[in-house]
Structures are given as structure tokens and as C-alpha cells.
Amino acid sequence: MSNKLTSVLIVLALIVGLLSSMVFVVGERNYALVFALGEVKRVIRDPGLHFKLPPPFQNVVLLDRRLLTINTQEAERIQTSEKKNLLIDSFVKWRIEDPRLYYVTFAGNEKAAMARLQAQIRDALNASVNIRTVKDVVALERDVIMKEVLDNVQRRAKPLGVHVVDVRLMRIEFAPEIAESVYRRMESERLRVANELRSIGAAEGEKIRASADRERQQIMAQAYARAQAIMGDGDARAAELYGQAYGQDGDFFSFYRSLEAYRESFGKKSDVMVVDPSAQFFRYMKSTKERGSQD
């Protein structure tokens, strides 16, 4: 009885082992390739529980379907159209697009796939950078270069079963042997531009000052002319008033003008005048009889 039970248990174990070898699970992060005698029979993209024949009739290989990254270990040394060496760091985002083609190309070896993509990126960078100047690569056309490299690598990676999602240039530096000369050239160029701007500013300043001086002189000339005209009008008006006043009473006007002259002449006690007492200037200081005999 015990021998029969043991035989039953062995048969059940063999059946369970056989069934378990015919069942496999595909996760959301994987593709599954079902092989039969070394040939790919099925490509499974949908996650879940799947069935196959037991080994050695069929076996399963899982491939990573996630977005993968390639970071350059060392900066690529690439030459510009000016024969200047640049050190360029880049990274690539890629994924497996055709699992069957990818496995046939690389035998499922991810390192081999990354090495091939790095070589293609290096070739694409050379093709884009070699025809441009340092200024174009560093500043003016960086986005254009990344787009060119991405298009180039996508086209060349598609026959490998790989889709390149993005290519980015992280760091661009001058090679040590040219960095110092480039920096000196950039410094002299900036200094030349600064001096040119200072010269333009000085010339504009002189032009503005000359224009301001010219306008000031014009304004002062106009003001002086206006002042002279007003003074002339005032003098004419004063002369007219003097004439009218003198015409009304000539004796009084002469007397008034003489008093004004006396006030101006004898404004201080220390003033001294050497004049003939019989001079006309003192006529109003004499008695009426003396003044009448002179008249």
C-alpha cells in the first residue's frame, strides 16, 4: 500500500512539474520571446499569464521594455570646422521597439546594444560638429545639432530593433590644449566690442553736448535780443515821457535834473569837486538875483 502511495505522489509531482514548466508570467516591464529549437516562435508584448510547451521543446527569454539611458563614460573629443577640439558629454534615452529584431541583432545582450548606439551617436556628432564653428556648436546651433543627431541615430537604430527617444548634449568644453587661446581670443574680442561701444558713446555724448551748447547759445541770443528790444522800447518810452514832462514845464524839469545831479555828485561827505563857482552846474545854488544876472 505504501509503495502504491509513493508511486502516486511521484506521478503527481511529475505532473505538477510538467505543468509549471508550461506556464510563465510576463510582467509589465518586459517582452517575452518564446523559442522552439533555437528559433523565435512568438513575441509576447501583453503582460499576464501565458503557456508554452515544456523544455526542451520551448523556452522563454525576457527582454526589458522600459526606457533605458546611455550616459557617456568619457567626453567625446570632436573637431569643429576650424580644426578645434571640443569635449562633448551626451546622454541618450532609448527602448527596444522590435524584440525579435533586437534579439537577432544583439542576442539579447544589452551591453552590446548600448555599445552600438554609442558608436552611432559618436558618428552622428562628428557629422554635425565637423561642419560647424566653435561658436555655432557652443551657442548658436546647439538645438539644431541635437535634432540632427537624434534624426541620424533614429534612422540608423531602427534596423536594429531599437527606438532612440531623445539625445541631449549635457556639457561642451574646449580641449585643454586650446582652451587658454580661445579664452584669450574671446577676451580680446569682448574688449574690442567694449572699446567700440565706448567710442560710439563718447561720440554721441560730444554730439549731444554740442547740440545742447548750440541750443543754449541760440536761446541766450534770442533772450538778449528780446531784452535789448524791451530796453529800447523802455528807453524810447522814458525819453517820450521826459520830453512830454520837459515840454510842460522846462524850468521845473531843469531844476529837477540839477537836483538829481547834485545828489549823485555829493552822495558822500568826503566827495570833493574842483569846479569854477560860476559854472552852469551850480546855477540853482545861487541866489535868484545872481542866477537872473547870469541868464
Protein backbone atom coordinates (compact mmCIF):
# COMPACT_ATOMS: atom_id res chain seq x y z
CA MET A 1 0.00 0.00 0.00
CA SER A 2 2.79 2.38 0.84
CA ASN A 3 4.52 1.63 -2.47
CA LYS A 4 1.36 2.50 -4.38
CA LEU A 5 1.03 5.81 -2.45
CA THR A 6 4.62 6.67 -3.18
CA SER A 7 4.14 5.98 -6.87
CA VAL A 8 1.04 8.17 -6.93
CA LEU A 9 2.87 11.01 -5.23
CA ILE A 10 5.77 10.74 -7.69
CA VAL A 11 3.37 10.82 -10.63
CA LEU A 12 1.58 13.83 -9.19
CA ALA A 13 4.90 15.63 -8.64
CA LEU A 14 5.90 14.95 -12.22
CA ILE A 15 2.57 16.25 -13.47
CA VAL A 16 2.86 19.44 -11.34
CA GLY A 17 6.44 19.99 -12.50
CA LEU A 18 5.40 19.48 -16.11
CA LEU A 19 2.51 21.91 -15.78
CA SER A 20 4.65 24.55 -14.05
CA SER A 21 7.21 24.33 -16.86
CA MET A 22 4.42 25.07 -19.34
CA VAL A 23 3.26 28.26 -17.56
CA PHE A 24 5.13 31.61 -17.40
CA VAL A 25 4.31 35.16 -16.41
CA VAL A 26 5.18 38.27 -18.43
CA GLY A 27 5.47 41.46 -16.36
CA GLU A 28 4.58 44.99 -17.46
CA ARG A 29 8.28 45.85 -17.74
CA ASN A 30 9.17 43.00 -20.10
CA TYR A 31 8.73 41.49 -23.51
CA ALA A 32 8.80 37.68 -23.83
CA LEU A 33 10.30 35.69 -26.70
CA VAL A 34 9.19 32.06 -26.99
CA PHE A 35 11.86 29.88 -28.64
CA ALA A 36 11.45 26.44 -30.17
CA LEU A 37 14.67 24.65 -31.09
CA GLY A 38 16.57 27.98 -31.15
CA GLU A 39 14.01 29.78 -33.34
CA VAL A 40 11.72 32.59 -32.19
CA LYS A 41 8.17 31.34 -32.45
CA ARG A 42 6.25 34.03 -30.62
CA VAL A 43 6.76 37.59 -29.35
CA ILE A 44 4.59 38.38 -26.34
CA ARG A 45 4.03 42.06 -25.56
CA ASP A 46 0.98 41.81 -23.30
CA PRO A 47 1.60 41.23 -19.57
CA GLY A 48 -0.08 38.30 -17.84
CA LEU A 49 -0.10 34.50 -17.63
CA HIS A 50 0.95 32.60 -20.76
CA PHE A 51 1.54 28.99 -21.78
CA LYS A 52 4.20 27.13 -23.76
CA LEU A 53 5.48 23.65 -24.35
CA PRO A 54 7.77 22.21 -21.69
CA PRO A 55 11.53 22.26 -22.19
CA PRO A 56 13.36 21.28 -24.30
CA PHE A 57 10.58 21.88 -26.81
CA GLN A 58 10.13 25.57 -25.95
CA ASN A 59 11.82 28.06 -23.65
CA VAL A 60 11.29 31.78 -22.85
CA VAL A 61 13.64 34.79 -22.88
CA LEU A 62 12.55 38.07 -21.24
CA LEU A 63 13.67 41.49 -22.56
CA ASP A 64 13.45 44.86 -20.80
CA ARG A 65 10.79 47.09 -22.35
CA ARG A 66 11.47 50.15 -20.14
CA LEU A 67 13.04 53.42 -21.24
CA LEU A 68 16.80 53.00 -20.92
CA THR A 69 19.60 55.56 -20.63
CA ILE A 70 23.11 55.71 -22.06
CA ASN A 71 25.49 58.15 -20.38
CA THR A 72 28.88 58.64 -21.97
CA GLN A 73 31.66 57.45 -19.64
CA GLU A 74 34.13 59.93 -21.12
CA ALA A 75 33.54 63.10 -23.10
CA GLU A 76 33.85 62.61 -26.84
CA ARG A 77 36.67 64.59 -28.47
CA ILE A 78 35.19 66.07 -31.65
CA GLN A 79 36.73 68.54 -34.08
CA THR A 80 34.96 71.62 -35.47
CA SER A 81 35.29 73.13 -38.95
CA GLU A 82 38.02 75.37 -37.51
CA LYS A 83 40.06 72.27 -36.52
CA LYS A 84 39.40 72.98 -32.84
CA ASN A 85 38.82 70.04 -30.50
CA LEU A 86 35.76 70.07 -28.26
CA LEU A 87 34.91 67.71 -25.41
CA ILE A 88 31.20 66.82 -25.58
CA ASP A 89 29.20 64.84 -23.00
CA SER A 90 25.84 63.45 -24.08
CA PHE A 91 23.11 61.10 -22.92
CA VAL A 92 20.58 59.03 -24.87
CA LYS A 93 17.13 57.73 -24.00
CA TRP A 94 16.20 54.55 -25.89
CA ARG A 95 13.98 51.47 -25.75
CA ILE A 96 13.52 48.16 -27.53
CA GLU A 97 10.94 48.60 -30.29
CA ASP A 98 11.14 45.27 -32.15
CA PRO A 99 12.03 42.47 -29.68
CA ARG A 100 12.56 39.83 -32.39
CA LEU A 101 14.89 42.03 -34.47
CA TYR A 102 16.69 43.25 -31.34
CA TYR A 103 17.38 39.69 -30.18
CA VAL A 104 18.55 38.57 -33.61
CA THR A 105 20.94 41.57 -33.77
CA PHE A 106 22.36 41.51 -30.25
CA ALA A 107 21.35 38.06 -28.92
CA GLY A 108 19.63 39.89 -26.07
CA ASN A 109 22.91 41.47 -24.90
CA GLU A 110 22.05 44.95 -23.61
CA LYS A 111 25.70 46.00 -23.29
CA ALA A 112 26.31 45.16 -26.95
CA ALA A 113 23.28 47.26 -27.93
CA MET A 114 24.49 50.23 -25.87
CA ALA A 115 27.97 49.99 -27.37
CA ARG A 116 26.50 50.02 -30.90
CA LEU A 117 24.32 53.04 -30.09
CA GLN A 118 27.26 54.92 -28.58
CA ALA A 119 29.25 54.36 -31.77
CA GLN A 120 26.34 55.66 -33.85
CA ILE A 121 25.99 58.72 -31.61
CA ARG A 122 29.71 59.43 -31.94
CA ASP A 123 29.46 59.22 -35.74
CA ALA A 124 26.38 61.46 -35.79
CA LEU A 125 28.08 64.04 -33.55
CA ASN A 126 31.13 64.09 -35.80
CA ALA A 127 28.92 64.59 -38.86
CA SER A 128 27.11 67.55 -37.27
CA VAL A 129 30.01 69.23 -35.42
CA ASN A 130 32.67 68.88 -38.14
CA ILE A 131 30.80 71.31 -40.41
CA ARG A 132 30.27 73.99 -37.75
CA THR A 133 32.39 76.54 -35.91
CA VAL A 134 33.02 76.57 -32.17
CA LYS A 135 30.58 79.46 -31.73
CA ASP A 136 27.86 77.56 -33.60
CA VAL A 137 28.33 74.41 -31.51
CA VAL A 138 28.58 76.14 -28.14
CA ALA A 139 25.89 78.80 -28.51
CA LEU A 140 24.13 79.39 -31.81
CA GLU A 141 23.10 75.95 -33.13
CA ARG A 142 23.17 73.61 -30.15
CA ASP A 143 19.48 72.67 -30.51
CA VAL A 144 19.91 72.15 -34.25
CA ILE A 145 22.83 69.78 -33.64
CA MET A 146 20.82 67.72 -31.12
CA LYS A 147 17.95 67.45 -33.62
CA GLU A 148 20.32 66.34 -36.38
CA VAL A 149 21.98 63.75 -34.15
CA LEU A 150 18.60 62.41 -32.98
CA ASP A 151 17.29 62.05 -36.55
CA ASN A 152 20.53 60.42 -37.67
CA VAL A 153 20.65 57.91 -34.81
CA GLN A 154 16.94 57.09 -35.06
CA ARG A 155 17.33 56.23 -38.73
CA ARG A 156 20.37 54.03 -38.12
CA ALA A 157 18.97 52.33 -34.98
CA LYS A 158 15.63 51.31 -36.45
CA PRO A 159 17.06 48.27 -38.37
CA LEU A 160 18.48 47.08 -35.01
CA GLY A 161 15.04 46.89 -33.41
CA VAL A 162 15.76 49.95 -31.25
CA HIS A 163 13.93 53.28 -30.98
CA VAL A 164 16.01 56.28 -29.82
CA VAL A 165 13.69 58.62 -27.92
CA ASP A 166 15.99 61.56 -27.24
CA VAL A 167 19.60 62.76 -27.48
CA ARG A 168 20.94 65.60 -25.32
CA LEU A 169 24.28 67.39 -25.17
CA MET A 170 24.99 67.93 -21.47
CA ARG A 171 28.40 69.61 -21.48
CA ILE A 172 30.55 71.17 -24.19
CA GLU A 173 34.07 72.25 -23.26
CA PHE A 174 37.23 73.21 -25.08
CA ALA A 175 40.03 70.72 -25.13
CA PRO A 176 42.79 71.74 -22.65
CA GLU A 177 45.32 72.50 -25.40
CA ILE A 178 43.10 75.19 -26.97
CA ALA A 179 41.06 76.44 -24.02
CA GLU A 180 43.51 79.17 -22.99
CA SER A 181 43.94 80.57 -26.50
CA VAL A 182 40.19 80.54 -27.08
CA TYR A 183 39.55 82.36 -23.81
CA ARG A 184 42.20 84.97 -24.66
CA ARG A 185 40.62 85.46 -28.09
CA MET A 186 37.17 85.80 -26.56
CA GLU A 187 38.53 88.29 -24.04
CA SER A 188 40.18 90.41 -26.74
CA GLU A 189 37.00 90.29 -28.82
CA ARG A 190 34.89 91.44 -25.88
CA LEU A 191 37.43 94.18 -25.17
CA ARG A 192 37.29 95.33 -28.79
CA VAL A 193 33.49 95.46 -28.67
CA ALA A 194 33.61 97.34 -25.34
CA ASN A 195 36.06 99.91 -26.73
CA GLU A 196 33.93 100.31 -29.83
CA LEU A 197 30.84 100.91 -27.71
CA ARG A 198 32.75 103.41 -25.56
CA SER A 199 33.89 105.27 -28.69
CA ILE A 200 30.36 105.36 -30.03
CA GLY A 201 29.12 106.56 -26.64
CA ALA A 202 31.78 109.29 -26.45
CA ALA A 203 30.94 110.48 -29.98
CA GLU A 204 27.23 110.53 -29.18
CA GLY A 205 27.99 112.40 -25.95
CA GLU A 206 30.00 115.05 -27.82
CA LYS A 207 27.23 115.37 -30.37
CA ILE A 208 24.62 115.83 -27.64
CA ARG A 209 26.77 118.37 -25.77
CA ALA A 210 27.45 120.32 -28.99
CA SER A 211 23.75 120.34 -29.79
CA ALA A 212 22.94 121.48 -26.24
CA ASP A 213 25.57 124.27 -26.41
CA ARG A 214 24.22 125.40 -29.77
CA GLU A 215 20.67 125.48 -28.45
CA ARG A 216 21.84 127.33 -25.32
CA GLN A 217 23.60 129.97 -27.43
CA GLN A 218 20.54 130.36 -29.64
CA ILE A 219 18.28 130.71 -26.61
CA MET A 220 20.65 133.24 -24.98
CA ALA A 221 20.96 135.20 -28.24
CA GLN A 222 17.19 135.28 -28.62
CA ALA A 223 16.79 136.30 -24.97
CA TYR A 224 19.43 139.03 -25.33
CA ALA A 225 17.80 140.33 -28.49
CA ARG A 226 14.44 140.29 -26.73
CA ALA A 227 15.91 142.07 -23.69
CA GLN A 228 17.55 144.72 -25.89
CA ALA A 229 14.30 145.26 -27.71
CA ILE A 230 12.43 145.65 -24.41
CA MET A 231 15.11 148.00 -23.08
CA GLY A 232 14.97 150.01 -26.30
CA ASP A 233 11.22 150.27 -26.01
CA GLY A 234 11.60 151.31 -22.37
CA ASP A 235 14.22 153.95 -23.20
CA ALA A 236 12.07 155.28 -26.02
CA ARG A 237 9.08 155.40 -23.73
CA ALA A 238 11.14 157.10 -21.00
CA ALA A 239 12.50 159.64 -23.48
CA GLU A 240 8.97 160.28 -24.67
CA LEU A 241 7.78 160.81 -21.08
CA TYR A 242 10.80 163.04 -20.36
CA GLY A 243 10.03 165.02 -23.47
CA GLN A 244 6.40 165.45 -22.52
CA ALA A 245 7.32 166.45 -18.98
CA TYR A 246 10.02 168.85 -20.20
CA GLY A 247 7.58 170.38 -22.68
CA GLN A 248 5.04 171.08 -19.97
CA ASP A 249 7.45 172.96 -17.65
CA GLY A 250 11.01 173.32 -18.87
CA ASP A 251 12.27 175.28 -15.89
CA PHE A 252 10.99 172.75 -13.40
CA PHE A 253 12.50 169.90 -15.44
CA SER A 254 15.90 171.60 -15.49
CA PHE A 255 15.65 172.22 -11.77
CA TYR A 256 14.72 168.58 -11.08
CA ARG A 257 17.56 167.25 -13.21
CA SER A 258 20.02 169.53 -11.43
CA LEU A 259 18.87 168.25 -8.04
CA GLU A 260 19.39 164.69 -9.23
CA ALA A 261 22.89 165.59 -10.39
CA TYR A 262 23.64 167.26 -7.03
CA ARG A 263 22.51 164.14 -5.18
CA GLU A 264 24.74 161.92 -7.30
CA SER A 265 27.73 164.27 -7.02
CA PHE A 266 27.57 164.89 -3.28
CA GLY A 267 26.47 161.45 -2.09
CA LYS A 268 29.33 161.21 0.42
CA LYS A 269 30.80 163.75 2.80
CA SER A 270 34.28 163.02 1.58
CA ASP A 271 33.41 163.84 -2.07
CA VAL A 272 35.40 166.81 -3.38
CA MET A 273 34.87 168.64 -6.68
CA VAL A 274 37.16 171.26 -8.21
CA VAL A 275 34.82 173.36 -10.37
CA ASP A 276 34.56 177.04 -11.27
CA PRO A 277 31.88 178.51 -8.95
CA SER A 278 30.49 180.45 -11.87
CA ALA A 279 29.90 177.23 -13.82
CA GLN A 280 26.39 176.45 -15.05
CA PHE A 281 26.36 173.36 -12.82
CA PHE A 282 25.84 175.49 -9.67
CA ARG A 283 23.27 177.84 -11.12
CA TYR A 284 20.46 176.59 -8.81
CA MET A 285 22.69 177.02 -5.72
CA LYS A 286 23.00 180.77 -6.25
CA SER A 287 20.56 183.44 -5.26
CA THR A 288 17.78 184.37 -7.59
CA LYS A 289 19.43 187.70 -8.34
CA GLU A 290 22.73 186.13 -9.29
CA ARG A 291 21.00 183.47 -11.38
CA GLY A 292 18.96 186.12 -13.14
CA SER A 293 22.05 188.22 -13.97
CA GLN A 294 23.70 185.08 -15.47
CA ASP A 295 20.65 184.34 -17.54
